[in-house]
Amino acid sequence: MITVPELLAPVDPEAPLLVVATREEAEHLAVDVPVLLTGIGRINATAALSETLARGPSPTTVLNVGTAGALHDGPSSGLHGVHRISRVVLHDFSHSAVRRLAGADAYPPIALDVPADEAGEGPSSSTAETGKVLATGDLFVEDSATRARLAATADLVDMEGYAIAWVARRYGVPVELIKLVSDPADESAGTLWVDGIAECSRVLGEHLEARLGG
């Protein structure tokens, strides 16, 4: 079912705002902080978060939590479990063409602050593995050719992260992106996401409970 943008509780100026794309991802996030469901994709995410922050008050942090596809294979890639993103890029935009025409990139990469001592392993860790690059685009990646192209510059792929980081920065609110690997962004991605989304939500819920408290 398509998720309709909805703020599930009023923004608390003394708490984070949890931003989640789909109701399925949010189902098991049993934490006592406000949750904003944006719906799928950059347009929904931009509109929902912009409207929420414009109304005020501002939260302490915008905390985007959700699933992402892995762009690299094998245990050595480290692409399993929960990740706190250190850099997010927009992959479906004509960056080079716009630079030639306008003299600058309209949507450059966004670097996110990650504490040096925040690191962990495994999907139920109270902390998240760090240092990963997330590519965002209005495309559910489920083919090996696109996956290989994106793997040249990123580790993970999603459909909302860049937009959420961009909006939060425009409103001067600190932002974090927390992503759980749900699939390998290849031909199996759609089936694996649907079959595994309930468990992904539970894992993300465990991570948030350990970090924020239930």
N, C-alpha and C. Protein backbone atom coordinates (compact mmCIF):
# COMPACT_ATOMS: atom_id res chain seq x y z
N MET A 1 0.84 -1.19 0.00
CA MET A 1 0.00 0.00 0.00
C MET A 1 0.88 1.25 0.00
N ILE A 2 0.52 2.26 -0.77
CA ILE A 2 1.26 3.50 -0.82
C ILE A 2 1.10 4.24 0.51
N THR A 3 2.22 4.70 1.06
CA THR A 3 2.20 5.45 2.31
C THR A 3 1.87 6.91 2.03
N VAL A 4 0.85 7.42 2.68
CA VAL A 4 0.47 8.83 2.57
C VAL A 4 1.26 9.61 3.62
N PRO A 5 1.88 10.75 3.24
CA PRO A 5 2.63 11.53 4.22
C PRO A 5 1.76 11.87 5.43
N GLU A 6 2.33 11.67 6.64
CA GLU A 6 1.57 11.88 7.86
C GLU A 6 2.52 12.09 9.03
N LEU A 7 2.28 13.12 9.82
CA LEU A 7 3.01 13.33 11.06
C LEU A 7 2.24 12.64 12.16
N LEU A 8 2.84 11.60 12.77
CA LEU A 8 2.11 10.75 13.71
C LEU A 8 2.00 11.33 15.10
N ALA A 9 2.83 12.33 15.42
CA ALA A 9 2.75 13.02 16.70
C ALA A 9 3.38 14.39 16.53
N PRO A 10 2.95 15.38 17.30
CA PRO A 10 3.51 16.73 17.15
C PRO A 10 5.03 16.74 17.36
N VAL A 11 5.72 17.60 16.62
CA VAL A 11 7.16 17.75 16.79
C VAL A 11 7.47 18.25 18.20
N ASP A 12 8.45 17.64 18.84
CA ASP A 12 8.90 18.02 20.18
C ASP A 12 10.23 18.77 20.05
N PRO A 13 10.31 20.03 20.47
CA PRO A 13 11.56 20.77 20.33
C PRO A 13 12.70 20.23 21.18
N GLU A 14 12.40 19.28 22.05
CA GLU A 14 13.43 18.70 22.91
C GLU A 14 13.72 17.25 22.54
N ALA A 15 13.30 16.82 21.36
CA ALA A 15 13.49 15.44 20.94
C ALA A 15 13.78 15.38 19.45
N PRO A 16 14.35 14.25 18.99
CA PRO A 16 14.53 14.07 17.54
C PRO A 16 13.19 13.90 16.83
N LEU A 17 13.19 14.19 15.54
CA LEU A 17 12.06 13.85 14.67
C LEU A 17 12.49 12.66 13.83
N LEU A 18 11.81 11.55 14.00
CA LEU A 18 12.10 10.35 13.23
C LEU A 18 11.39 10.43 11.89
N VAL A 19 12.15 10.36 10.80
CA VAL A 19 11.59 10.49 9.45
C VAL A 19 11.75 9.16 8.73
N VAL A 20 10.63 8.60 8.29
CA VAL A 20 10.59 7.26 7.71
C VAL A 20 9.75 7.31 6.44
N ALA A 21 10.21 6.65 5.38
CA ALA A 21 9.51 6.72 4.10
C ALA A 21 8.18 5.98 4.12
N THR A 22 8.18 4.72 4.57
CA THR A 22 6.98 3.90 4.45
C THR A 22 6.45 3.44 5.80
N ARG A 23 5.17 3.20 5.85
CA ARG A 23 4.54 2.71 7.08
C ARG A 23 5.09 1.33 7.45
N GLU A 24 5.45 0.54 6.44
CA GLU A 24 6.00 -0.79 6.72
C GLU A 24 7.34 -0.69 7.45
N GLU A 25 8.18 0.26 7.04
CA GLU A 25 9.46 0.43 7.72
C GLU A 25 9.28 0.93 9.15
N ALA A 26 8.23 1.69 9.39
CA ALA A 26 8.00 2.27 10.71
C ALA A 26 7.22 1.36 11.66
N GLU A 27 6.72 0.24 11.17
CA GLU A 27 5.76 -0.57 11.94
C GLU A 27 6.28 -0.98 13.31
N HIS A 28 7.56 -1.33 13.42
CA HIS A 28 8.11 -1.84 14.67
C HIS A 28 9.10 -0.87 15.33
N LEU A 29 9.02 0.40 14.99
CA LEU A 29 9.91 1.40 15.60
C LEU A 29 9.24 1.93 16.87
N ALA A 30 9.27 1.14 17.91
CA ALA A 30 8.54 1.46 19.15
C ALA A 30 9.38 2.36 20.05
N VAL A 31 9.57 3.61 19.63
CA VAL A 31 10.30 4.58 20.43
C VAL A 31 9.41 5.79 20.67
N ASP A 32 9.63 6.45 21.81
CA ASP A 32 8.75 7.52 22.23
C ASP A 32 9.24 8.87 21.71
N VAL A 33 9.31 9.00 20.38
CA VAL A 33 9.66 10.27 19.73
C VAL A 33 8.70 10.46 18.56
N PRO A 34 8.48 11.71 18.14
CA PRO A 34 7.59 11.95 17.00
C PRO A 34 8.10 11.28 15.72
N VAL A 35 7.17 10.80 14.91
CA VAL A 35 7.50 10.13 13.66
C VAL A 35 6.79 10.83 12.51
N LEU A 36 7.55 11.12 11.45
CA LEU A 36 6.98 11.66 10.21
C LEU A 36 7.10 10.60 9.13
N LEU A 37 5.96 10.16 8.59
CA LEU A 37 5.95 9.30 7.41
C LEU A 37 5.93 10.20 6.19
N THR A 38 6.87 10.00 5.26
CA THR A 38 6.95 10.90 4.11
C THR A 38 6.32 10.34 2.85
N GLY A 39 6.24 9.02 2.74
CA GLY A 39 5.93 8.41 1.46
C GLY A 39 7.21 8.19 0.68
N ILE A 40 7.12 7.45 -0.43
CA ILE A 40 8.29 7.01 -1.19
C ILE A 40 8.76 8.10 -2.14
N GLY A 41 10.09 8.28 -2.21
CA GLY A 41 10.70 9.13 -3.22
C GLY A 41 11.03 10.53 -2.75
N ARG A 42 11.85 11.22 -3.57
CA ARG A 42 12.38 12.53 -3.19
C ARG A 42 11.30 13.60 -3.08
N ILE A 43 10.34 13.61 -3.99
CA ILE A 43 9.32 14.65 -3.95
C ILE A 43 8.49 14.56 -2.69
N ASN A 44 8.03 13.36 -2.37
CA ASN A 44 7.28 13.17 -1.13
C ASN A 44 8.11 13.55 0.08
N ALA A 45 9.36 13.10 0.12
CA ALA A 45 10.21 13.39 1.28
C ALA A 45 10.45 14.88 1.43
N THR A 46 10.74 15.56 0.32
CA THR A 46 10.99 17.01 0.36
C THR A 46 9.76 17.76 0.84
N ALA A 47 8.61 17.44 0.28
CA ALA A 47 7.38 18.15 0.64
C ALA A 47 7.00 17.91 2.09
N ALA A 48 7.02 16.65 2.52
CA ALA A 48 6.57 16.32 3.87
C ALA A 48 7.47 16.95 4.93
N LEU A 49 8.79 16.85 4.75
CA LEU A 49 9.69 17.40 5.75
C LEU A 49 9.70 18.92 5.71
N SER A 50 9.66 19.51 4.52
CA SER A 50 9.61 20.98 4.42
C SER A 50 8.39 21.55 5.13
N GLU A 51 7.23 20.96 4.88
CA GLU A 51 6.00 21.43 5.51
C GLU A 51 6.07 21.30 7.02
N THR A 52 6.64 20.22 7.49
CA THR A 52 6.73 19.99 8.94
C THR A 52 7.68 20.98 9.60
N LEU A 53 8.84 21.18 9.02
CA LEU A 53 9.81 22.10 9.62
C LEU A 53 9.36 23.55 9.49
N ALA A 54 8.65 23.88 8.42
CA ALA A 54 8.16 25.25 8.24
C ALA A 54 7.12 25.61 9.30
N ARG A 55 6.30 24.65 9.68
CA ARG A 55 5.28 24.90 10.70
C ARG A 55 5.92 25.10 12.07
N GLY A 56 7.05 24.41 12.32
CA GLY A 56 7.70 24.48 13.61
C GLY A 56 6.90 23.75 14.68
N PRO A 57 7.49 23.57 15.85
CA PRO A 57 8.86 23.95 16.20
C PRO A 57 9.88 23.02 15.56
N SER A 58 11.15 23.38 15.68
CA SER A 58 12.21 22.53 15.14
C SER A 58 12.58 21.44 16.14
N PRO A 59 12.80 20.22 15.67
CA PRO A 59 13.28 19.15 16.56
C PRO A 59 14.76 19.34 16.85
N THR A 60 15.28 18.57 17.79
CA THR A 60 16.72 18.63 18.07
C THR A 60 17.52 18.10 16.90
N THR A 61 16.98 17.08 16.22
CA THR A 61 17.65 16.42 15.10
C THR A 61 16.59 15.82 14.18
N VAL A 62 16.86 15.84 12.89
CA VAL A 62 16.09 15.04 11.96
C VAL A 62 16.82 13.71 11.80
N LEU A 63 16.16 12.63 12.18
CA LEU A 63 16.77 11.30 12.16
C LEU A 63 16.03 10.44 11.13
N ASN A 64 16.63 10.29 9.95
CA ASN A 64 16.03 9.49 8.89
C ASN A 64 16.45 8.05 9.05
N VAL A 65 15.46 7.17 9.21
CA VAL A 65 15.70 5.74 9.41
C VAL A 65 14.97 4.97 8.33
N GLY A 66 15.67 4.00 7.71
CA GLY A 66 15.01 3.21 6.70
C GLY A 66 15.92 2.17 6.08
N THR A 67 15.44 1.56 5.02
CA THR A 67 16.18 0.50 4.34
C THR A 67 16.96 1.05 3.16
N ALA A 68 17.96 0.26 2.72
CA ALA A 68 18.77 0.64 1.56
C ALA A 68 19.29 -0.62 0.90
N GLY A 69 19.58 -0.50 -0.39
CA GLY A 69 20.19 -1.60 -1.13
C GLY A 69 21.70 -1.53 -1.04
N ALA A 70 22.35 -2.68 -0.99
CA ALA A 70 23.82 -2.75 -0.96
C ALA A 70 24.37 -2.79 -2.37
N LEU A 71 25.42 -2.02 -2.63
CA LEU A 71 25.99 -1.94 -3.97
C LEU A 71 27.26 -2.75 -4.14
N HIS A 72 27.72 -3.41 -3.09
CA HIS A 72 28.92 -4.24 -3.16
C HIS A 72 28.65 -5.60 -2.53
N ASP A 73 29.39 -6.62 -2.97
CA ASP A 73 29.18 -7.98 -2.49
C ASP A 73 30.26 -8.42 -1.52
N GLY A 74 29.95 -9.50 -0.80
CA GLY A 74 30.96 -10.19 0.00
C GLY A 74 31.12 -9.65 1.40
N PRO A 75 31.60 -10.50 2.33
CA PRO A 75 31.80 -10.10 3.72
C PRO A 75 32.75 -8.92 3.88
N SER A 76 33.75 -8.82 2.99
CA SER A 76 34.73 -7.75 3.11
C SER A 76 34.14 -6.38 2.81
N SER A 77 32.98 -6.33 2.18
CA SER A 77 32.37 -5.05 1.85
C SER A 77 31.84 -4.34 3.10
N GLY A 78 31.56 -5.12 4.15
CA GLY A 78 30.98 -4.55 5.36
C GLY A 78 29.54 -4.14 5.20
N LEU A 79 28.91 -4.51 4.09
CA LEU A 79 27.55 -4.05 3.82
C LEU A 79 26.52 -5.04 4.34
N HIS A 80 26.32 -4.96 5.64
CA HIS A 80 25.28 -5.72 6.32
C HIS A 80 24.92 -4.92 7.56
N GLY A 81 23.77 -5.17 8.12
CA GLY A 81 23.40 -4.49 9.35
C GLY A 81 23.07 -3.02 9.15
N VAL A 82 23.27 -2.26 10.23
CA VAL A 82 22.86 -0.87 10.30
C VAL A 82 24.05 0.04 10.04
N HIS A 83 23.80 1.12 9.28
CA HIS A 83 24.87 2.05 8.91
C HIS A 83 24.45 3.49 9.16
N ARG A 84 25.36 4.27 9.75
CA ARG A 84 25.16 5.71 9.81
C ARG A 84 25.93 6.32 8.65
N ILE A 85 25.23 7.04 7.79
CA ILE A 85 25.79 7.54 6.54
C ILE A 85 26.68 8.76 6.80
N SER A 86 27.85 8.77 6.15
CA SER A 86 28.75 9.91 6.30
C SER A 86 28.70 10.86 5.10
N ARG A 87 28.15 10.39 3.97
CA ARG A 87 28.07 11.23 2.77
C ARG A 87 26.92 10.72 1.91
N VAL A 88 26.14 11.66 1.38
CA VAL A 88 25.01 11.26 0.55
C VAL A 88 25.07 12.05 -0.75
N VAL A 89 24.81 11.34 -1.87
CA VAL A 89 24.88 11.95 -3.20
C VAL A 89 23.57 11.69 -3.93
N LEU A 90 23.28 12.56 -4.90
CA LEU A 90 22.10 12.40 -5.75
C LEU A 90 22.55 11.75 -7.05
N HIS A 91 22.06 10.55 -7.34
CA HIS A 91 22.63 9.81 -8.48
C HIS A 91 21.86 10.00 -9.79
N ASP A 92 20.63 10.49 -9.75
CA ASP A 92 19.85 10.60 -10.99
C ASP A 92 19.65 12.06 -11.38
N PHE A 93 20.75 12.81 -11.39
CA PHE A 93 20.71 14.22 -11.76
C PHE A 93 21.89 14.50 -12.70
N SER A 94 21.70 15.41 -13.66
CA SER A 94 22.75 15.70 -14.64
C SER A 94 23.77 16.68 -14.04
N HIS A 95 24.59 16.19 -13.13
CA HIS A 95 25.53 17.06 -12.42
C HIS A 95 26.51 17.73 -13.37
N SER A 96 27.15 16.97 -14.25
CA SER A 96 28.17 17.54 -15.12
C SER A 96 27.56 18.54 -16.11
N ALA A 97 26.38 18.23 -16.65
CA ALA A 97 25.74 19.14 -17.59
C ALA A 97 25.36 20.45 -16.92
N VAL A 98 24.82 20.37 -15.72
CA VAL A 98 24.42 21.59 -15.00
C VAL A 98 25.65 22.42 -14.63
N ARG A 99 26.74 21.76 -14.26
CA ARG A 99 27.97 22.51 -13.97
C ARG A 99 28.44 23.28 -15.21
N ARG A 100 28.35 22.65 -16.38
CA ARG A 100 28.76 23.33 -17.61
C ARG A 100 27.85 24.51 -17.92
N LEU A 101 26.56 24.34 -17.70
CA LEU A 101 25.59 25.38 -18.06
C LEU A 101 25.52 26.50 -17.03
N ALA A 102 25.59 26.12 -15.75
CA ALA A 102 25.35 27.11 -14.69
C ALA A 102 26.60 27.49 -13.90
N GLY A 103 27.68 26.75 -14.13
CA GLY A 103 28.91 27.07 -13.44
C GLY A 103 29.04 26.47 -12.06
N ALA A 104 28.04 25.70 -11.63
CA ALA A 104 28.08 25.06 -10.32
C ALA A 104 27.10 23.90 -10.31
N ASP A 105 27.32 22.98 -9.40
CA ASP A 105 26.43 21.84 -9.23
C ASP A 105 25.27 22.25 -8.33
N ALA A 106 24.05 22.09 -8.82
CA ALA A 106 22.87 22.47 -8.02
C ALA A 106 22.68 21.58 -6.81
N TYR A 107 23.13 20.33 -6.90
CA TYR A 107 22.94 19.38 -5.80
C TYR A 107 24.25 18.63 -5.54
N PRO A 108 25.22 19.29 -4.92
CA PRO A 108 26.50 18.64 -4.64
C PRO A 108 26.35 17.60 -3.53
N PRO A 109 27.34 16.72 -3.36
CA PRO A 109 27.30 15.76 -2.25
C PRO A 109 27.16 16.48 -0.92
N ILE A 110 26.47 15.84 0.02
CA ILE A 110 26.29 16.38 1.36
C ILE A 110 27.07 15.52 2.34
N ALA A 111 28.03 16.14 3.03
CA ALA A 111 28.80 15.44 4.06
C ALA A 111 28.05 15.55 5.38
N LEU A 112 27.93 14.44 6.09
CA LEU A 112 27.21 14.38 7.35
C LEU A 112 28.18 14.13 8.49
N ASP A 113 27.97 14.82 9.60
CA ASP A 113 28.85 14.66 10.75
C ASP A 113 28.65 13.28 11.38
N VAL A 114 29.74 12.56 11.58
CA VAL A 114 29.71 11.25 12.23
C VAL A 114 30.78 11.25 13.31
N PRO A 115 30.42 11.10 14.59
CA PRO A 115 31.42 11.06 15.64
C PRO A 115 32.44 9.97 15.40
N ALA A 116 33.72 10.29 15.64
CA ALA A 116 34.80 9.33 15.37
C ALA A 116 34.69 8.08 16.20
N ASP A 117 34.08 8.18 17.38
CA ASP A 117 34.02 7.01 18.26
C ASP A 117 32.74 6.22 18.11
N GLU A 118 31.89 6.60 17.13
CA GLU A 118 30.64 5.86 16.94
C GLU A 118 30.85 4.78 15.90
N ALA A 119 30.94 3.55 16.33
CA ALA A 119 31.11 2.42 15.41
C ALA A 119 30.58 1.17 16.07
N GLY A 120 30.13 0.23 15.26
CA GLY A 120 29.62 -1.03 15.79
C GLY A 120 29.40 -2.00 14.67
N GLU A 121 29.04 -3.21 15.00
CA GLU A 121 28.80 -4.22 13.98
C GLU A 121 27.55 -4.98 14.32
N GLY A 122 26.91 -5.49 13.25
CA GLY A 122 25.76 -6.36 13.44
C GLY A 122 24.46 -5.58 13.46
N PRO A 123 23.38 -6.23 13.00
CA PRO A 123 22.11 -5.56 12.83
C PRO A 123 21.42 -5.16 14.11
N SER A 124 21.80 -5.75 15.27
CA SER A 124 21.13 -5.39 16.51
C SER A 124 22.00 -4.52 17.39
N SER A 125 23.11 -4.00 16.86
CA SER A 125 24.00 -3.16 17.63
C SER A 125 23.31 -1.86 18.03
N SER A 126 23.66 -1.31 19.20
CA SER A 126 23.10 -0.04 19.62
C SER A 126 23.74 1.11 18.86
N THR A 127 24.86 0.84 18.20
CA THR A 127 25.48 1.84 17.35
C THR A 127 25.46 1.32 15.92
N ALA A 128 25.92 2.16 15.00
CA ALA A 128 25.85 1.79 13.59
C ALA A 128 27.22 1.88 12.97
N GLU A 129 27.49 0.98 12.04
CA GLU A 129 28.73 1.09 11.27
C GLU A 129 28.71 2.42 10.51
N THR A 130 29.88 3.03 10.39
CA THR A 130 29.94 4.37 9.84
C THR A 130 30.81 4.43 8.59
N GLY A 131 30.83 5.60 7.96
CA GLY A 131 31.72 5.85 6.85
C GLY A 131 31.20 5.43 5.50
N LYS A 132 29.93 5.10 5.38
CA LYS A 132 29.37 4.66 4.11
C LYS A 132 28.78 5.82 3.32
N VAL A 133 28.86 5.70 1.99
CA VAL A 133 28.29 6.69 1.07
C VAL A 133 26.96 6.16 0.56
N LEU A 134 25.94 6.99 0.64
CA LEU A 134 24.59 6.64 0.20
C LEU A 134 24.26 7.40 -1.08
N ALA A 135 23.77 6.69 -2.10
CA ALA A 135 23.30 7.32 -3.33
C ALA A 135 21.77 7.32 -3.31
N THR A 136 21.18 8.48 -3.55
CA THR A 136 19.72 8.62 -3.55
C THR A 136 19.24 8.95 -4.95
N GLY A 137 18.11 8.36 -5.33
CA GLY A 137 17.49 8.68 -6.61
C GLY A 137 16.07 8.18 -6.64
N ASP A 138 15.26 8.72 -7.53
CA ASP A 138 13.88 8.28 -7.69
C ASP A 138 13.82 7.03 -8.56
N LEU A 139 14.55 6.03 -8.12
CA LEU A 139 14.64 4.77 -8.85
C LEU A 139 14.87 3.65 -7.85
N PHE A 140 13.96 2.68 -7.84
CA PHE A 140 14.19 1.48 -7.01
C PHE A 140 15.15 0.59 -7.79
N VAL A 141 16.38 0.50 -7.32
CA VAL A 141 17.42 -0.20 -8.08
C VAL A 141 17.24 -1.70 -7.93
N GLU A 142 16.98 -2.37 -9.04
CA GLU A 142 16.78 -3.82 -9.04
C GLU A 142 17.33 -4.43 -10.33
N ASP A 143 18.47 -3.92 -10.78
CA ASP A 143 19.13 -4.54 -11.92
C ASP A 143 20.64 -4.41 -11.76
N SER A 144 21.36 -5.41 -12.21
CA SER A 144 22.79 -5.50 -11.96
C SER A 144 23.59 -4.41 -12.67
N ALA A 145 23.12 -3.97 -13.83
CA ALA A 145 23.85 -2.94 -14.57
C ALA A 145 23.83 -1.61 -13.83
N THR A 146 22.65 -1.21 -13.36
CA THR A 146 22.55 0.04 -12.60
C THR A 146 23.33 -0.08 -11.29
N ARG A 147 23.23 -1.23 -10.66
CA ARG A 147 23.96 -1.47 -9.41
C ARG A 147 25.46 -1.28 -9.62
N ALA A 148 26.00 -1.86 -10.70
CA ALA A 148 27.44 -1.76 -10.96
C ALA A 148 27.85 -0.31 -11.22
N ARG A 149 27.01 0.43 -11.93
CA ARG A 149 27.33 1.84 -12.20
C ARG A 149 27.37 2.65 -10.91
N LEU A 150 26.39 2.46 -10.04
CA LEU A 150 26.34 3.22 -8.80
C LEU A 150 27.45 2.80 -7.83
N ALA A 151 27.87 1.54 -7.92
CA ALA A 151 28.90 1.03 -7.01
C ALA A 151 30.23 1.71 -7.20
N ALA A 152 30.43 2.40 -8.32
CA ALA A 152 31.69 3.10 -8.55
C ALA A 152 31.85 4.29 -7.62
N THR A 153 30.75 4.82 -7.09
CA THR A 153 30.83 6.03 -6.26
C THR A 153 30.10 5.93 -4.93
N ALA A 154 29.41 4.82 -4.66
CA ALA A 154 28.63 4.73 -3.43
C ALA A 154 28.62 3.30 -2.90
N ASP A 155 28.16 3.16 -1.66
CA ASP A 155 28.07 1.86 -1.00
C ASP A 155 26.63 1.36 -0.91
N LEU A 156 25.70 2.29 -0.72
CA LEU A 156 24.29 1.96 -0.52
C LEU A 156 23.44 2.85 -1.40
N VAL A 157 22.20 2.43 -1.64
CA VAL A 157 21.29 3.22 -2.47
C VAL A 157 19.90 3.24 -1.83
N ASP A 158 19.26 4.43 -1.86
CA ASP A 158 17.89 4.55 -1.38
C ASP A 158 17.14 5.57 -2.24
N MET A 159 15.94 5.99 -1.79
CA MET A 159 15.12 6.88 -2.60
C MET A 159 14.75 8.19 -1.90
N GLU A 160 15.22 8.40 -0.65
CA GLU A 160 14.82 9.60 0.08
C GLU A 160 15.95 10.33 0.81
N GLY A 161 17.05 9.66 1.09
CA GLY A 161 18.07 10.19 2.00
C GLY A 161 18.59 11.57 1.64
N TYR A 162 18.96 11.77 0.36
CA TYR A 162 19.51 13.06 -0.04
C TYR A 162 18.50 14.18 0.20
N ALA A 163 17.25 13.94 -0.18
CA ALA A 163 16.22 14.96 -0.02
C ALA A 163 16.05 15.34 1.45
N ILE A 164 16.05 14.36 2.33
CA ILE A 164 15.87 14.63 3.75
C ILE A 164 17.05 15.43 4.30
N ALA A 165 18.27 15.04 3.93
CA ALA A 165 19.45 15.78 4.37
C ALA A 165 19.42 17.20 3.82
N TRP A 166 19.04 17.37 2.57
CA TRP A 166 19.00 18.68 1.92
C TRP A 166 18.01 19.61 2.60
N VAL A 167 16.81 19.12 2.87
CA VAL A 167 15.79 19.94 3.52
C VAL A 167 16.22 20.31 4.94
N ALA A 168 16.70 19.34 5.70
CA ALA A 168 17.12 19.62 7.08
C ALA A 168 18.20 20.69 7.11
N ARG A 169 19.17 20.60 6.19
CA ARG A 169 20.23 21.60 6.13
C ARG A 169 19.66 22.99 5.81
N ARG A 170 18.69 23.05 4.91
CA ARG A 170 18.09 24.35 4.56
C ARG A 170 17.40 25.00 5.75
N TYR A 171 16.86 24.18 6.65
CA TYR A 171 16.18 24.71 7.83
C TYR A 171 17.10 24.78 9.05
N GLY A 172 18.37 24.47 8.86
CA GLY A 172 19.33 24.60 9.95
C GLY A 172 19.17 23.58 11.06
N VAL A 173 18.62 22.41 10.74
CA VAL A 173 18.40 21.36 11.74
C VAL A 173 19.43 20.25 11.52
N PRO A 174 20.14 19.82 12.56
CA PRO A 174 21.07 18.69 12.40
C PRO A 174 20.34 17.47 11.84
N VAL A 175 21.06 16.69 11.03
CA VAL A 175 20.42 15.55 10.37
C VAL A 175 21.34 14.34 10.40
N GLU A 176 20.74 13.17 10.61
CA GLU A 176 21.44 11.90 10.55
C GLU A 176 20.66 10.96 9.65
N LEU A 177 21.38 10.14 8.90
CA LEU A 177 20.76 9.10 8.07
C LEU A 177 21.21 7.75 8.57
N ILE A 178 20.27 6.93 9.02
CA ILE A 178 20.54 5.58 9.52
C ILE A 178 19.87 4.60 8.57
N LYS A 179 20.67 3.73 7.94
CA LYS A 179 20.13 2.82 6.93
C LYS A 179 20.48 1.37 7.25
N LEU A 180 19.51 0.50 7.06
CA LEU A 180 19.69 -0.95 7.23
C LEU A 180 19.65 -1.61 5.86
N VAL A 181 20.63 -2.43 5.57
CA VAL A 181 20.66 -3.12 4.29
C VAL A 181 19.51 -4.13 4.22
N SER A 182 18.68 -3.99 3.19
CA SER A 182 17.52 -4.86 3.03
C SER A 182 17.64 -5.80 1.84
N ASP A 183 18.54 -5.46 0.88
CA ASP A 183 18.62 -6.23 -0.36
C ASP A 183 19.90 -5.87 -1.09
N PRO A 184 20.27 -6.63 -2.12
CA PRO A 184 21.50 -6.35 -2.87
C PRO A 184 21.32 -5.45 -4.09
N ALA A 185 20.19 -4.77 -4.20
CA ALA A 185 19.94 -3.83 -5.30
C ALA A 185 20.13 -4.47 -6.67
N ASP A 186 19.82 -5.76 -6.77
CA ASP A 186 19.89 -6.45 -8.06
C ASP A 186 18.51 -6.98 -8.41
N GLU A 187 18.44 -7.96 -9.30
CA GLU A 187 17.14 -8.46 -9.76
C GLU A 187 16.29 -9.08 -8.65
N SER A 188 16.90 -9.41 -7.53
CA SER A 188 16.16 -10.00 -6.41
C SER A 188 15.64 -8.95 -5.43
N ALA A 189 15.95 -7.68 -5.65
CA ALA A 189 15.72 -6.65 -4.64
C ALA A 189 14.25 -6.50 -4.26
N GLY A 190 13.37 -6.47 -5.25
CA GLY A 190 11.96 -6.25 -4.95
C GLY A 190 11.37 -7.34 -4.07
N THR A 191 11.63 -8.59 -4.44
CA THR A 191 11.11 -9.72 -3.67
C THR A 191 11.69 -9.73 -2.26
N LEU A 192 13.00 -9.50 -2.15
CA LEU A 192 13.63 -9.52 -0.83
C LEU A 192 13.12 -8.39 0.05
N TRP A 193 12.89 -7.22 -0.54
CA TRP A 193 12.39 -6.10 0.27
C TRP A 193 11.01 -6.42 0.82
N VAL A 194 10.13 -6.89 -0.03
CA VAL A 194 8.76 -7.21 0.41
C VAL A 194 8.77 -8.31 1.46
N ASP A 195 9.53 -9.37 1.21
CA ASP A 195 9.56 -10.49 2.15
C ASP A 195 10.24 -10.14 3.46
N GLY A 196 11.18 -9.21 3.44
CA GLY A 196 11.98 -8.94 4.63
C GLY A 196 11.68 -7.65 5.35
N ILE A 197 10.70 -6.86 4.89
CA ILE A 197 10.52 -5.54 5.46
C ILE A 197 10.08 -5.59 6.92
N ALA A 198 9.29 -6.56 7.31
CA ALA A 198 8.87 -6.64 8.71
C ALA A 198 10.07 -6.88 9.63
N GLU A 199 10.97 -7.78 9.22
CA GLU A 199 12.16 -8.04 10.01
C GLU A 199 13.09 -6.82 10.01
N CYS A 200 13.20 -6.14 8.88
CA CYS A 200 14.01 -4.92 8.82
C CYS A 200 13.49 -3.88 9.81
N SER A 201 12.17 -3.72 9.88
CA SER A 201 11.59 -2.77 10.81
C SER A 201 11.91 -3.16 12.25
N ARG A 202 11.87 -4.46 12.54
CA ARG A 202 12.20 -4.91 13.90
C ARG A 202 13.66 -4.60 14.25
N VAL A 203 14.56 -4.85 13.30
CA VAL A 203 15.99 -4.58 13.54
C VAL A 203 16.22 -3.09 13.75
N LEU A 204 15.61 -2.27 12.92
CA LEU A 204 15.74 -0.83 13.11
C LEU A 204 15.14 -0.39 14.44
N GLY A 205 14.04 -1.03 14.83
CA GLY A 205 13.44 -0.73 16.13
C GLY A 205 14.36 -1.07 17.28
N GLU A 206 15.06 -2.20 17.19
CA GLU A 206 16.03 -2.58 18.23
C GLU A 206 17.16 -1.56 18.31
N HIS A 207 17.63 -1.14 17.14
CA HIS A 207 18.71 -0.15 17.10
C HIS A 207 18.28 1.15 17.78
N LEU A 208 17.09 1.63 17.44
CA LEU A 208 16.60 2.88 18.00
C LEU A 208 16.29 2.77 19.48
N GLU A 209 15.75 1.62 19.88
CA GLU A 209 15.46 1.43 21.31
C GLU A 209 16.74 1.48 22.14
N ALA A 210 17.79 0.84 21.63
CA ALA A 210 19.06 0.86 22.34
C ALA A 210 19.65 2.26 22.39
N ARG A 211 19.44 3.02 21.34
CA ARG A 211 20.01 4.37 21.27
C ARG A 211 19.17 5.40 21.99
N LEU A 212 17.85 5.36 21.79
CA LEU A 212 16.98 6.41 22.30
C LEU A 212 16.16 6.00 23.52
N GLY A 213 16.02 4.69 23.71
CA GLY A 213 15.13 4.21 24.77
C GLY A 213 13.74 3.98 24.23
N GLY A 214 13.03 3.02 24.79
CA GLY A 214 11.69 2.68 24.29
C GLY A 214 10.61 3.59 24.83
